[in-house]
Amino acid sequence: MTKQEQQLFFQEIIEQHKAILFKVARTYCLNEEDRQDLLQEIMIQIWQSIYKYNDQHKISTWLYRISLNVAISFYRKNATRAGKYTVLKEQMPELPTEDKTENERQLNLLEQFISELKEIDKALMILYLEDKSHAEIAGILGMSVSNTGTKIGRIKDKLKTRFSQLKS
């Protein structure tokens, strides 16, 4: 693949699959600056790995694998830094607005609860909510299919508990 073909391929996959990148960044980063940094890191890794892409695998699977690996590393690296500083905005509870529908409120809560999970659990839920099969998720995250199913079940139970606690 020539440098120009590589560049065109890169631009094409980023444009066609940017929702994957944004979803991962939004799940792993609470503030906009960190999201932008993470997106940049993900795109750099995609660019550096593009020559390794094997078209026997779906491009979305390959992108998820790169995006989630970069996000988990980014999250771990920044967790230490974040522990030293407190951002007031992240500590403030969200005030309900009257124009939000109940579905939007529920989705925002789900997104919040997922963002509070451990990094690998976040990855599992992103892929699960994308309707990936347990086999696909296992392949992307490098775990067994049975372990994937077990972990997803436990995370779903945990999220249900969080929602039921709100109703109590």
Protein backbone atom coordinates (compact mmCIF):
# COMPACT_ATOMS: atom_id res chain seq x y z
CA MET A 1 0.00 0.00 0.00
CA THR A 2 1.48 3.34 -1.03
CA LYS A 3 1.58 6.25 1.39
CA GLN A 4 -1.21 7.97 -0.55
CA GLU A 5 -3.40 4.82 -0.54
CA GLN A 6 -2.75 4.47 3.17
CA GLN A 7 -3.79 8.07 3.77
CA LEU A 8 -6.99 7.67 1.73
CA PHE A 9 -7.85 4.42 3.49
CA PHE A 10 -7.26 6.09 6.86
CA GLN A 11 -9.51 9.03 6.00
CA GLU A 12 -12.21 6.72 4.69
CA ILE A 13 -12.33 4.47 7.76
CA ILE A 14 -12.26 7.42 10.16
CA GLU A 15 -15.14 9.09 8.32
CA GLN A 16 -17.21 5.91 8.05
CA HIS A 17 -16.60 4.70 11.61
CA LYS A 18 -16.16 7.90 13.62
CA ALA A 19 -19.16 6.97 15.78
CA ILE A 20 -17.11 4.10 17.25
CA LEU A 21 -14.29 6.46 18.19
CA PHE A 22 -16.63 9.05 19.70
CA LYS A 23 -18.55 6.43 21.67
CA VAL A 24 -15.38 5.02 23.20
CA ALA A 25 -14.02 8.50 24.01
CA ARG A 26 -17.31 9.62 25.55
CA THR A 27 -17.45 6.53 27.74
CA TYR A 28 -13.89 6.81 29.04
CA CYS A 29 -13.57 10.59 29.42
CA LEU A 30 -15.88 12.86 31.35
CA ASN A 31 -14.61 16.21 30.10
CA GLU A 32 -14.25 17.50 26.57
CA GLU A 33 -10.50 18.19 26.74
CA ASP A 34 -9.72 14.63 27.76
CA ARG A 35 -12.08 13.29 25.07
CA GLN A 36 -10.24 15.27 22.42
CA ASP A 37 -6.88 14.01 23.71
CA LEU A 38 -8.13 10.44 23.69
CA LEU A 39 -9.56 10.77 20.17
CA GLN A 40 -6.20 12.06 18.99
CA GLU A 41 -4.39 9.14 20.66
CA ILE A 42 -6.80 6.66 19.07
CA MET A 43 -6.33 8.15 15.60
CA ILE A 44 -2.56 8.14 15.97
CA GLN A 45 -2.67 4.44 16.90
CA ILE A 46 -4.98 3.67 13.98
CA TRP A 47 -2.62 5.50 11.61
CA GLN A 48 0.40 3.65 12.99
CA SER A 49 -1.40 0.29 12.73
CA ILE A 50 -3.14 0.73 9.40
CA TYR A 51 -0.57 -1.28 7.48
CA LYS A 52 -1.26 -4.24 9.80
CA TYR A 53 -4.98 -4.34 9.03
CA ASN A 54 -6.07 -7.78 7.81
CA ASP A 55 -9.21 -7.57 5.68
CA GLN A 56 -10.26 -11.04 6.85
CA HIS A 57 -11.60 -9.22 9.93
CA LYS A 58 -14.34 -6.63 10.00
CA ILE A 59 -12.97 -3.09 10.07
CA SER A 60 -15.28 -2.25 13.00
CA THR A 61 -13.83 -5.10 15.07
CA TRP A 62 -10.31 -3.88 14.34
CA LEU A 63 -11.26 -0.29 15.24
CA TYR A 64 -12.92 -1.36 18.48
CA ARG A 65 -9.87 -3.34 19.47
CA ILE A 66 -7.54 -0.38 18.89
CA SER A 67 -9.91 2.21 20.37
CA LEU A 68 -10.61 0.26 23.53
CA ASN A 69 -6.96 -0.67 24.11
CA VAL A 70 -5.91 2.98 23.73
CA ALA A 71 -8.81 4.15 25.93
CA ILE A 72 -7.98 1.71 28.71
CA SER A 73 -4.31 2.75 28.67
CA PHE A 74 -5.28 6.42 28.52
CA TYR A 75 -7.72 5.97 31.41
CA ARG A 76 -5.13 4.23 33.57
CA LYS A 77 -2.51 6.85 32.81
CA ASN A 78 -4.87 9.72 33.62
CA ALA A 79 -6.38 8.09 36.71
CA THR A 80 -3.23 8.92 38.64
CA ARG A 81 -3.29 12.51 37.42
CA ALA A 82 -7.01 12.88 38.11
CA GLY A 83 -6.54 11.73 41.69
CA LYS A 84 -4.35 14.76 42.36
CA TYR A 85 -6.87 17.32 41.11
CA THR A 86 -10.55 17.83 41.73
CA VAL A 87 -12.65 19.30 39.01
CA LEU A 88 -15.67 20.98 40.53
CA LYS A 89 -17.83 20.40 37.45
CA GLU A 90 -17.47 16.62 37.79
CA GLN A 91 -18.45 16.77 41.46
CA MET A 92 -21.69 18.67 40.89
CA PRO A 93 -24.87 16.61 40.58
CA GLU A 94 -26.75 17.03 37.34
CA LEU A 95 -29.80 19.19 37.81
CA PRO A 96 -32.81 17.90 35.94
CA THR A 97 -34.13 20.10 33.18
CA GLU A 98 -37.78 20.15 32.32
CA ASP A 99 -37.30 19.62 28.59
CA LYS A 100 -35.65 16.22 28.98
CA THR A 101 -37.86 13.26 28.32
CA GLU A 102 -37.84 10.29 30.65
CA ASN A 103 -36.02 8.21 28.01
CA GLU A 104 -33.29 10.84 27.70
CA ARG A 105 -32.94 10.94 31.47
CA GLN A 106 -32.68 7.14 31.63
CA LEU A 107 -30.09 7.09 28.83
CA ASN A 108 -28.06 9.79 30.57
CA LEU A 109 -28.14 7.77 33.79
CA LEU A 110 -27.09 4.62 31.94
CA GLU A 111 -24.21 6.51 30.35
CA GLN A 112 -23.20 7.87 33.75
CA PHE A 113 -23.36 4.43 35.40
CA ILE A 114 -21.31 2.87 32.59
CA SER A 115 -18.70 5.63 32.88
CA GLU A 116 -18.27 4.70 36.54
CA LEU A 117 -17.45 1.04 35.75
CA LYS A 118 -13.93 -0.41 35.66
CA GLU A 119 -12.23 0.11 32.30
CA ILE A 120 -12.70 -3.45 30.98
CA ASP A 121 -16.33 -3.45 32.10
CA LYS A 122 -16.90 -0.22 30.17
CA ALA A 123 -15.48 -1.87 27.08
CA LEU A 124 -17.76 -4.88 27.54
CA MET A 125 -20.84 -2.68 27.83
CA ILE A 126 -19.94 -0.52 24.83
CA LEU A 127 -19.66 -3.63 22.68
CA TYR A 128 -22.75 -5.28 24.21
CA LEU A 129 -24.84 -2.16 23.54
CA GLU A 130 -23.58 -2.23 19.95
CA ASP A 131 -25.23 -5.67 19.63
CA LYS A 132 -21.92 -7.45 19.19
CA SER A 133 -22.12 -11.18 19.81
CA HIS A 134 -20.33 -12.66 22.80
CA ALA A 135 -17.87 -14.27 20.37
CA GLU A 136 -17.11 -10.91 18.71
CA ILE A 137 -16.69 -9.21 22.09
CA ALA A 138 -14.41 -12.01 23.28
CA GLY A 139 -12.31 -11.65 20.12
CA ILE A 140 -12.00 -7.89 20.45
CA LEU A 141 -11.12 -7.96 24.15
CA GLY A 142 -9.06 -11.16 24.13
CA MET A 143 -11.14 -13.12 26.59
CA SER A 144 -13.11 -16.35 26.45
CA VAL A 145 -16.72 -16.38 25.27
CA SER A 146 -17.95 -17.86 28.55
CA ASN A 147 -16.07 -15.25 30.59
CA THR A 148 -17.56 -12.55 28.36
CA GLY A 149 -21.10 -13.79 28.98
CA THR A 150 -20.53 -14.10 32.71
CA LYS A 151 -19.06 -10.60 33.02
CA ILE A 152 -21.85 -9.04 30.93
CA GLY A 153 -24.46 -10.73 33.11
CA ARG A 154 -22.84 -9.41 36.28
CA ILE A 155 -22.52 -5.90 34.88
CA LYS A 156 -26.17 -5.90 33.79
CA ASP A 157 -27.19 -6.98 37.31
CA LYS A 158 -25.06 -4.22 38.78
CA LEU A 159 -26.64 -1.62 36.49
CA LYS A 160 -30.17 -2.89 37.28
CA THR A 161 -29.37 -2.55 40.97
CA ARG A 162 -28.21 1.04 40.46
CA PHE A 163 -31.45 1.90 38.65
CA SER A 164 -33.62 0.18 41.27
CA GLN A 165 -31.82 2.09 44.05
CA LEU A 166 -32.87 5.34 42.38
CA LYS A 167 -36.51 4.31 42.38
CA SER A 168 -36.42 3.44 46.10
